[in-house]
Amino acid sequence: MVGADMSAPLIELRAITKTYGQGQAAFQALCGVDLSIAEGDFVAVMGPSGSGKSTVMNLLGCLDTPTTSEYLFRGINVEQLDRNQRALLRRQRLGFVFQGFNLLARTSAQENVELPLLHHGEPAEVRHAMARTALDKVGLAGWEHHTPAELSGGQQQRVAIARAIVTNPLVLLADEPMGNLDSKRSHEIMELLTQLNGDHGITVIMVTHEPDMAAYARRIVHFVDGLVASDKRQAAAEPCC
């Protein structure tokens, strides 16, 4: 990114507010959020429904814009970027993982992982190689040609994570990534996210309602009523199983 300040925090929110609607129907989802995230951090975002955590994730993912104040990414004010520039930032620097796996049902694991690369204009041979590398990182080497129906829920989420990291993003934004998984598979996915964070330096920001999942993060940020209520660092969790 031209003009990026490499000494600045990777992500910085300065007194961010977000208001939906107008007049008497207006609802203020964020009420002045200050938050800095360093490159390589692993942050769990928690809070009750309506606390503002999902709104913050949408802003961080360049899927929405704040009503007032600044969102800085590597020192660059995202508010000064036009729509195409924000889309480029999202495509090149951010990866997304959701509660639903959002895989194409009749498409192989490798083809699902290759989808983001189509927007990059990579030739087929390069796409194939990058997808295989991403699948290997999530422990699915040898499963490239299986469709989602031939994979377990945990494996499907691994494919979704491979799709999110295939472009080598700086940040992985995960919104309740264990929501459709049982306890054992949830801990397996958390161990995978921890590995991607520790071994590959990917900054992970994860929304979760579950304290045992948040325990894997290095830092837990609690939102209440559109504000950061607490921001605490913690020791990394020991593997569950």
C-alpha atoms as a PDB file:
ATOM      1  CA  MET A   1       0.000   0.000   0.000  1.00  0.00           C
ATOM      2  CA  VAL A   2       1.540   3.285  -1.102  1.00  0.00           C
ATOM      3  CA  GLY A   3       2.305   5.568   1.819  1.00  0.00           C
ATOM      4  CA  ALA A   4       1.751   2.905   4.480  1.00  0.00           C
ATOM      5  CA  ASP A   5       3.424   3.610   7.838  1.00  0.00           C
ATOM      6  CA  MET A   6       5.057   0.325   8.859  1.00  0.00           C
ATOM      7  CA  SER A   7       5.779   1.642  12.389  1.00  0.00           C
ATOM      8  CA  ALA A   8       2.105   2.335  13.135  1.00  0.00           C
ATOM      9  CA  PRO A   9      -0.309  -0.234  14.611  1.00  0.00           C
ATOM     10  CA  LEU A  10      -1.703  -2.467  11.907  1.00  0.00           C
ATOM     11  CA  ILE A  11      -5.237  -1.353  12.819  1.00  0.00           C
ATOM     12  CA  GLU A  12      -6.312   1.713  14.759  1.00  0.00           C
ATOM     13  CA  LEU A  13      -9.834   2.929  15.494  1.00  0.00           C
ATOM     14  CA  ARG A  14     -10.048   6.469  16.864  1.00  0.00           C
ATOM     15  CA  ALA A  15     -13.263   7.487  18.630  1.00  0.00           C
ATOM     16  CA  ILE A  16     -15.329   5.582  16.062  1.00  0.00           C
ATOM     17  CA  THR A  17     -19.077   6.090  16.057  1.00  0.00           C
ATOM     18  CA  LYS A  18     -21.718   4.386  13.922  1.00  0.00           C
ATOM     19  CA  THR A  19     -25.333   5.477  13.749  1.00  0.00           C
ATOM     20  CA  TYR A  20     -28.063   3.731  11.788  1.00  0.00           C
ATOM     21  CA  GLY A  21     -31.220   5.579  10.789  1.00  0.00           C
ATOM     22  CA  GLN A  22     -32.167   9.207  11.385  1.00  0.00           C
ATOM     23  CA  GLY A  23     -34.188  11.294  13.787  1.00  0.00           C
ATOM     24  CA  GLN A  24     -36.204   9.420  16.382  1.00  0.00           C
ATOM     25  CA  ALA A  25     -35.456   6.136  14.611  1.00  0.00           C
ATOM     26  CA  ALA A  26     -31.682   6.628  14.918  1.00  0.00           C
ATOM     27  CA  PHE A  27     -29.723   3.917  16.712  1.00  0.00           C
ATOM     28  CA  GLN A  28     -26.118   4.457  17.761  1.00  0.00           C
ATOM     29  CA  ALA A  29     -24.358   1.097  17.452  1.00  0.00           C
ATOM     30  CA  LEU A  30     -20.916   2.465  18.350  1.00  0.00           C
ATOM     31  CA  CYS A  31     -20.429   5.359  20.742  1.00  0.00           C
ATOM     32  CA  GLY A  32     -16.759   6.324  20.418  1.00  0.00           C
ATOM     33  CA  VAL A  33     -14.601   3.210  20.129  1.00  0.00           C
ATOM     34  CA  ASP A  34     -10.819   3.424  20.520  1.00  0.00           C
ATOM     35  CA  LEU A  35      -8.966   0.245  19.594  1.00  0.00           C
ATOM     36  CA  SER A  36      -5.433  -0.537  18.374  1.00  0.00           C
ATOM     37  CA  ILE A  37      -4.331  -3.933  17.067  1.00  0.00           C
ATOM     38  CA  ALA A  38      -0.712  -4.768  16.336  1.00  0.00           C
ATOM     39  CA  GLU A  39       0.370  -6.942  13.448  1.00  0.00           C
ATOM     40  CA  GLY A  40       0.500 -10.583  14.524  1.00  0.00           C
ATOM     41  CA  ASP A  41      -1.989 -10.204  17.389  1.00  0.00           C
ATOM     42  CA  PHE A  42      -4.824 -12.650  18.117  1.00  0.00           C
ATOM     43  CA  VAL A  43      -7.881 -10.829  19.454  1.00  0.00           C
ATOM     44  CA  ALA A  44     -11.174 -12.322  20.603  1.00  0.00           C
ATOM     45  CA  VAL A  45     -14.083  -9.870  20.478  1.00  0.00           C
ATOM     46  CA  MET A  46     -16.898 -10.641  22.904  1.00  0.00           C
ATOM     47  CA  GLY A  47     -20.091  -9.034  24.173  1.00  0.00           C
ATOM     48  CA  PRO A  48     -23.852  -9.510  24.360  1.00  0.00           C
ATOM     49  CA  SER A  49     -26.138  -9.132  21.356  1.00  0.00           C
ATOM     50  CA  GLY A  50     -26.389  -5.473  20.374  1.00  0.00           C
ATOM     51  CA  SER A  51     -23.080  -4.565  22.038  1.00  0.00           C
ATOM     52  CA  GLY A  52     -21.480  -3.382  18.786  1.00  0.00           C
ATOM     53  CA  LYS A  53     -19.042  -6.228  18.162  1.00  0.00           C
ATOM     54  CA  SER A  54     -20.509  -7.211  14.770  1.00  0.00           C
ATOM     55  CA  THR A  55     -20.618  -3.563  13.704  1.00  0.00           C
ATOM     56  CA  VAL A  56     -16.917  -3.240  14.521  1.00  0.00           C
ATOM     57  CA  MET A  57     -16.142  -6.360  12.487  1.00  0.00           C
ATOM     58  CA  ASN A  58     -18.019  -4.942   9.507  1.00  0.00           C
ATOM     59  CA  LEU A  59     -16.012  -1.724   9.767  1.00  0.00           C
ATOM     60  CA  LEU A  60     -12.708  -3.575  10.090  1.00  0.00           C
ATOM     61  CA  GLY A  61     -13.608  -5.646   7.042  1.00  0.00           C
ATOM     62  CA  CYS A  62     -14.378  -2.529   4.974  1.00  0.00           C
ATOM     63  CA  LEU A  63     -17.948  -3.802   4.577  1.00  0.00           C
ATOM     64  CA  ASP A  64     -19.276  -0.617   6.195  1.00  0.00           C
ATOM     65  CA  THR A  65     -17.973   2.846   7.085  1.00  0.00           C
ATOM     66  CA  PRO A  66     -18.117   4.730  10.411  1.00  0.00           C
ATOM     67  CA  THR A  67     -20.366   7.725  10.893  1.00  0.00           C
ATOM     68  CA  THR A  68     -17.569   9.793  12.448  1.00  0.00           C
ATOM     69  CA  SER A  69     -13.840   9.606  13.205  1.00  0.00           C
ATOM     70  CA  GLU A  70     -11.037   7.474  11.770  1.00  0.00           C
ATOM     71  CA  TYR A  71     -10.157   3.901  10.848  1.00  0.00           C
ATOM     72  CA  LEU A  72      -6.451   3.571  10.080  1.00  0.00           C
ATOM     73  CA  PHE A  73      -4.956   0.514   8.391  1.00  0.00           C
ATOM     74  CA  ARG A  74      -1.156   0.582   8.515  1.00  0.00           C
ATOM     75  CA  GLY A  75      -1.383   4.318   9.075  1.00  0.00           C
ATOM     76  CA  ILE A  76      -3.596   4.921   6.050  1.00  0.00           C
ATOM     77  CA  ASN A  77      -6.982   6.521   6.701  1.00  0.00           C
ATOM     78  CA  VAL A  78      -9.483   4.102   5.206  1.00  0.00           C
ATOM     79  CA  GLU A  79     -12.086   6.896   5.171  1.00  0.00           C
ATOM     80  CA  GLN A  80     -10.060   8.708   2.517  1.00  0.00           C
ATOM     81  CA  LEU A  81     -10.169   5.726   0.159  1.00  0.00           C
ATOM     82  CA  ASP A  82     -12.863   5.512  -2.482  1.00  0.00           C
ATOM     83  CA  ARG A  83     -15.070   2.448  -2.877  1.00  0.00           C
ATOM     84  CA  ASN A  84     -12.733   0.743  -5.344  1.00  0.00           C
ATOM     85  CA  GLN A  85      -9.697   1.339  -3.136  1.00  0.00           C
ATOM     86  CA  ARG A  86     -11.516  -0.090  -0.110  1.00  0.00           C
ATOM     87  CA  ALA A  87     -12.489  -3.123  -2.187  1.00  0.00           C
ATOM     88  CA  LEU A  88      -8.839  -3.561  -3.172  1.00  0.00           C
ATOM     89  CA  LEU A  89      -7.775  -3.337   0.479  1.00  0.00           C
ATOM     90  CA  ARG A  90     -10.395  -5.918   1.398  1.00  0.00           C
ATOM     91  CA  ARG A  91      -9.344  -8.249  -1.408  1.00  0.00           C
ATOM     92  CA  GLN A  92      -5.577  -8.011  -0.867  1.00  0.00           C
ATOM     93  CA  ARG A  93      -5.185  -7.621   2.899  1.00  0.00           C
ATOM     94  CA  LEU A  94      -8.227  -9.240   4.544  1.00  0.00           C
ATOM     95  CA  GLY A  95      -9.583 -12.773   4.765  1.00  0.00           C
ATOM     96  CA  PHE A  96     -13.043 -13.671   6.055  1.00  0.00           C
ATOM     97  CA  VAL A  97     -14.385 -16.750   7.846  1.00  0.00           C
ATOM     98  CA  PHE A  98     -18.034 -16.996   8.887  1.00  0.00           C
ATOM     99  CA  GLN A  99     -20.250 -19.280  10.945  1.00  0.00           C
ATOM    100  CA  GLY A 100     -21.720 -20.707   7.737  1.00  0.00           C
ATOM    101  CA  PHE A 101     -19.099 -22.313   5.546  1.00  0.00           C
ATOM    102  CA  ASN A 102     -20.503 -20.710   2.360  1.00  0.00           C
ATOM    103  CA  LEU A 103     -18.974 -23.326   0.072  1.00  0.00           C
ATOM    104  CA  LEU A 104     -20.262 -24.061  -3.418  1.00  0.00           C
ATOM    105  CA  ALA A 105     -21.942 -27.453  -3.067  1.00  0.00           C
ATOM    106  CA  ARG A 106     -20.998 -28.997  -6.410  1.00  0.00           C
ATOM    107  CA  THR A 107     -17.486 -27.602  -6.465  1.00  0.00           C
ATOM    108  CA  SER A 108     -14.369 -29.337  -5.173  1.00  0.00           C
ATOM    109  CA  ALA A 109     -12.431 -28.128  -2.149  1.00  0.00           C
ATOM    110  CA  GLN A 110      -9.633 -26.864  -4.394  1.00  0.00           C
ATOM    111  CA  GLU A 111     -12.019 -24.999  -6.680  1.00  0.00           C
ATOM    112  CA  ASN A 112     -13.728 -23.395  -3.665  1.00  0.00           C
ATOM    113  CA  VAL A 113     -10.372 -22.215  -2.365  1.00  0.00           C
ATOM    114  CA  GLU A 114      -9.410 -20.832  -5.771  1.00  0.00           C
ATOM    115  CA  LEU A 115     -12.443 -18.529  -5.978  1.00  0.00           C
ATOM    116  CA  PRO A 116     -10.769 -15.402  -4.470  1.00  0.00           C
ATOM    117  CA  LEU A 117      -7.873 -15.797  -6.896  1.00  0.00           C
ATOM    118  CA  LEU A 118     -10.170 -15.330  -9.887  1.00  0.00           C
ATOM    119  CA  HIS A 119     -10.407 -11.638  -8.927  1.00  0.00           C
ATOM    120  CA  HIS A 120      -6.606 -11.418  -8.926  1.00  0.00           C
ATOM    121  CA  GLY A 121      -6.308 -12.574 -12.518  1.00  0.00           C
ATOM    122  CA  GLU A 122      -3.913 -15.391 -11.655  1.00  0.00           C
ATOM    123  CA  PRO A 123      -3.373 -18.039 -14.361  1.00  0.00           C
ATOM    124  CA  ALA A 124      -4.858 -21.469 -13.735  1.00  0.00           C
ATOM    125  CA  GLU A 125      -1.546 -23.144 -12.859  1.00  0.00           C
ATOM    126  CA  VAL A 126      -0.796 -20.503 -10.218  1.00  0.00           C
ATOM    127  CA  ARG A 127      -4.325 -20.750  -8.787  1.00  0.00           C
ATOM    128  CA  HIS A 128      -4.055 -24.516  -8.500  1.00  0.00           C
ATOM    129  CA  ALA A 129      -0.693 -24.307  -6.718  1.00  0.00           C
ATOM    130  CA  MET A 130      -1.808 -21.583  -4.298  1.00  0.00           C
ATOM    131  CA  ALA A 131      -5.012 -23.468  -3.454  1.00  0.00           C
ATOM    132  CA  ARG A 132      -3.108 -26.686  -2.772  1.00  0.00           C
ATOM    133  CA  THR A 133      -0.692 -24.785  -0.520  1.00  0.00           C
ATOM    134  CA  ALA A 134      -3.581 -23.222   1.430  1.00  0.00           C
ATOM    135  CA  LEU A 135      -5.290 -26.600   1.841  1.00  0.00           C
ATOM    136  CA  ASP A 136      -2.036 -28.091   3.077  1.00  0.00           C
ATOM    137  CA  LYS A 137      -1.754 -25.314   5.698  1.00  0.00           C
ATOM    138  CA  VAL A 138      -5.160 -26.264   7.114  1.00  0.00           C
ATOM    139  CA  GLY A 139      -4.407 -29.989   7.122  1.00  0.00           C
ATOM    140  CA  LEU A 140      -6.368 -31.004   4.030  1.00  0.00           C
ATOM    141  CA  ALA A 141      -3.632 -32.149   1.674  1.00  0.00           C
ATOM    142  CA  GLY A 142      -5.108 -35.005  -0.339  1.00  0.00           C
ATOM    143  CA  TRP A 143      -8.680 -33.731  -0.035  1.00  0.00           C
ATOM    144  CA  GLU A 144      -8.465 -31.263  -2.935  1.00  0.00           C
ATOM    145  CA  HIS A 145     -11.014 -33.004  -5.169  1.00  0.00           C
ATOM    146  CA  HIS A 146     -13.672 -33.756  -2.550  1.00  0.00           C
ATOM    147  CA  THR A 147     -16.932 -31.797  -2.637  1.00  0.00           C
ATOM    148  CA  PRO A 148     -18.472 -30.318   0.556  1.00  0.00           C
ATOM    149  CA  ALA A 149     -20.940 -33.231   0.763  1.00  0.00           C
ATOM    150  CA  GLU A 150     -17.948 -35.563   1.115  1.00  0.00           C
ATOM    151  CA  LEU A 151     -16.436 -33.555   3.982  1.00  0.00           C
ATOM    152  CA  SER A 152     -17.287 -33.280   7.677  1.00  0.00           C
ATOM    153  CA  GLY A 153     -18.339 -29.960   9.188  1.00  0.00           C
ATOM    154  CA  GLY A 154     -14.850 -29.429  10.578  1.00  0.00           C
ATOM    155  CA  GLN A 155     -13.299 -30.164   7.197  1.00  0.00           C
ATOM    156  CA  GLN A 156     -15.698 -27.772   5.479  1.00  0.00           C
ATOM    157  CA  GLN A 157     -14.665 -25.009   7.876  1.00  0.00           C
ATOM    158  CA  ARG A 158     -11.032 -25.815   7.128  1.00  0.00           C
ATOM    159  CA  VAL A 159     -11.765 -25.359   3.421  1.00  0.00           C
ATOM    160  CA  ALA A 160     -13.407 -22.019   4.250  1.00  0.00           C
ATOM    161  CA  ILE A 161     -10.303 -20.987   6.204  1.00  0.00           C
ATOM    162  CA  ALA A 162      -8.060 -22.091   3.333  1.00  0.00           C
ATOM    163  CA  ARG A 163     -10.153 -19.924   1.007  1.00  0.00           C
ATOM    164  CA  ALA A 164      -9.700 -16.993   3.409  1.00  0.00           C
ATOM    165  CA  ILE A 165      -5.897 -17.316   3.559  1.00  0.00           C
ATOM    166  CA  VAL A 166      -5.156 -18.302  -0.056  1.00  0.00           C
ATOM    167  CA  THR A 167      -4.415 -14.659  -0.953  1.00  0.00           C
ATOM    168  CA  ASN A 168      -1.940 -14.384   1.965  1.00  0.00           C
ATOM    169  CA  PRO A 169      -3.899 -11.695   3.843  1.00  0.00           C
ATOM    170  CA  LEU A 170      -2.495  -9.708   6.740  1.00  0.00           C
ATOM    171  CA  VAL A 171      -5.700 -10.100   8.756  1.00  0.00           C
ATOM    172  CA  LEU A 172      -8.145 -12.961   9.198  1.00  0.00           C
ATOM    173  CA  LEU A 173     -11.578 -11.793  10.382  1.00  0.00           C
ATOM    174  CA  ALA A 174     -13.535 -14.695  11.868  1.00  0.00           C
ATOM    175  CA  ASP A 175     -17.189 -14.222  12.868  1.00  0.00           C
ATOM    176  CA  GLU A 176     -18.346 -17.078  15.145  1.00  0.00           C
ATOM    177  CA  PRO A 177     -16.317 -19.618  13.120  1.00  0.00           C
ATOM    178  CA  MET A 178     -17.285 -22.492  15.451  1.00  0.00           C
ATOM    179  CA  GLY A 179     -21.011 -21.769  15.438  1.00  0.00           C
ATOM    180  CA  ASN A 180     -21.906 -24.865  13.395  1.00  0.00           C
ATOM    181  CA  LEU A 181     -19.390 -27.250  14.947  1.00  0.00           C
ATOM    182  CA  ASP A 182     -19.401 -29.614  17.916  1.00  0.00           C
ATOM    183  CA  SER A 183     -17.004 -29.115  20.824  1.00  0.00           C
ATOM    184  CA  LYS A 184     -14.216 -31.352  19.528  1.00  0.00           C
ATOM    185  CA  ARG A 185     -14.234 -29.824  16.034  1.00  0.00           C
ATOM    186  CA  SER A 186     -14.426 -26.331  17.557  1.00  0.00           C
ATOM    187  CA  HIS A 187     -11.217 -26.882  19.503  1.00  0.00           C
ATOM    188  CA  GLU A 188      -9.557 -28.297  16.388  1.00  0.00           C
ATOM    189  CA  ILE A 189     -10.449 -25.139  14.456  1.00  0.00           C
ATOM    190  CA  MET A 190      -9.181 -22.951  17.300  1.00  0.00           C
ATOM    191  CA  GLU A 191      -5.889 -24.841  17.324  1.00  0.00           C
ATOM    192  CA  LEU A 192      -5.672 -24.263  13.566  1.00  0.00           C
ATOM    193  CA  LEU A 193      -6.284 -20.518  13.962  1.00  0.00           C
ATOM    194  CA  THR A 194      -3.647 -20.425  16.699  1.00  0.00           C
ATOM    195  CA  GLN A 195      -1.194 -22.162  14.358  1.00  0.00           C
ATOM    196  CA  LEU A 196      -1.909 -19.766  11.490  1.00  0.00           C
ATOM    197  CA  ASN A 197      -1.378 -16.862  13.882  1.00  0.00           C
ATOM    198  CA  GLY A 198       1.808 -18.217  15.454  1.00  0.00           C
ATOM    199  CA  ASP A 199       3.496 -19.948  12.526  1.00  0.00           C
ATOM    200  CA  HIS A 200       2.415 -17.716   9.650  1.00  0.00           C
ATOM    201  CA  GLY A 201       2.017 -14.368  11.425  1.00  0.00           C
ATOM    202  CA  ILE A 202      -1.584 -13.808  10.350  1.00  0.00           C
ATOM    203  CA  THR A 203      -3.376 -11.320  12.592  1.00  0.00           C
ATOM    204  CA  VAL A 204      -6.592 -12.966  13.805  1.00  0.00           C
ATOM    205  CA  ILE A 205      -9.649 -11.016  14.991  1.00  0.00           C
ATOM    206  CA  MET A 206     -12.458 -13.329  16.053  1.00  0.00           C
ATOM    207  CA  VAL A 207     -15.984 -12.702  17.327  1.00  0.00           C
ATOM    208  CA  THR A 208     -17.187 -15.372  19.738  1.00  0.00           C
ATOM    209  CA  HIS A 209     -19.727 -15.840  22.531  1.00  0.00           C
ATOM    210  CA  GLU A 210     -17.826 -18.782  24.002  1.00  0.00           C
ATOM    211  CA  PRO A 211     -15.227 -18.170  26.749  1.00  0.00           C
ATOM    212  CA  ASP A 212     -13.442 -21.476  26.064  1.00  0.00           C
ATOM    213  CA  MET A 213     -12.912 -20.419  22.449  1.00  0.00           C
ATOM    214  CA  ALA A 214     -11.810 -16.901  23.449  1.00  0.00           C
ATOM    215  CA  ALA A 215      -9.259 -18.519  25.769  1.00  0.00           C
ATOM    216  CA  TYR A 216      -7.137 -19.376  22.718  1.00  0.00           C
ATOM    217  CA  ALA A 217      -6.638 -15.680  21.915  1.00  0.00           C
ATOM    218  CA  ARG A 218      -3.835 -13.539  23.285  1.00  0.00           C
ATOM    219  CA  ARG A 219      -6.248 -10.740  24.040  1.00  0.00           C
ATOM    220  CA  ILE A 220      -9.967 -10.434  24.818  1.00  0.00           C
ATOM    221  CA  VAL A 221     -11.883  -7.233  24.051  1.00  0.00           C
ATOM    222  CA  HIS A 222     -15.364  -6.988  25.591  1.00  0.00           C
ATOM    223  CA  PHE A 223     -17.963  -4.669  24.057  1.00  0.00           C
ATOM    224  CA  VAL A 224     -20.966  -3.333  25.981  1.00  0.00           C
ATOM    225  CA  ASP A 225     -23.452  -0.748  24.683  1.00  0.00           C
ATOM    226  CA  GLY A 226     -21.284   0.314  21.754  1.00  0.00           C
ATOM    227  CA  LEU A 227     -18.099   0.830  23.786  1.00  0.00           C
ATOM    228  CA  VAL A 228     -15.020  -1.169  24.754  1.00  0.00           C
ATOM    229  CA  ALA A 229     -15.783  -2.217  28.326  1.00  0.00           C
ATOM    230  CA  SER A 230     -12.526  -4.136  28.871  1.00  0.00           C
ATOM    231  CA  ASP A 231      -9.392  -5.033  26.945  1.00  0.00           C
ATOM    232  CA  LYS A 232      -7.202  -7.670  28.578  1.00  0.00           C
ATOM    233  CA  ARG A 233      -4.204  -9.716  27.541  1.00  0.00           C
ATOM    234  CA  GLN A 234      -3.902 -13.317  28.639  1.00  0.00           C
ATOM    235  CA  ALA A 235      -1.633 -16.329  28.406  1.00  0.00           C
ATOM    236  CA  ALA A 236      -2.286 -18.622  25.446  1.00  0.00           C
ATOM    237  CA  ALA A 237      -4.560 -21.583  26.152  1.00  0.00           C
ATOM    238  CA  GLU A 238      -3.216 -25.113  26.354  1.00  0.00           C
ATOM    239  CA  PRO A 239      -4.593 -27.539  23.738  1.00  0.00           C
ATOM    240  CA  CYS A 240      -7.858 -29.059  24.927  1.00  0.00           C
ATOM    241  CA  CYS A 241      -7.531 -32.569  23.521  1.00  0.00           C
END
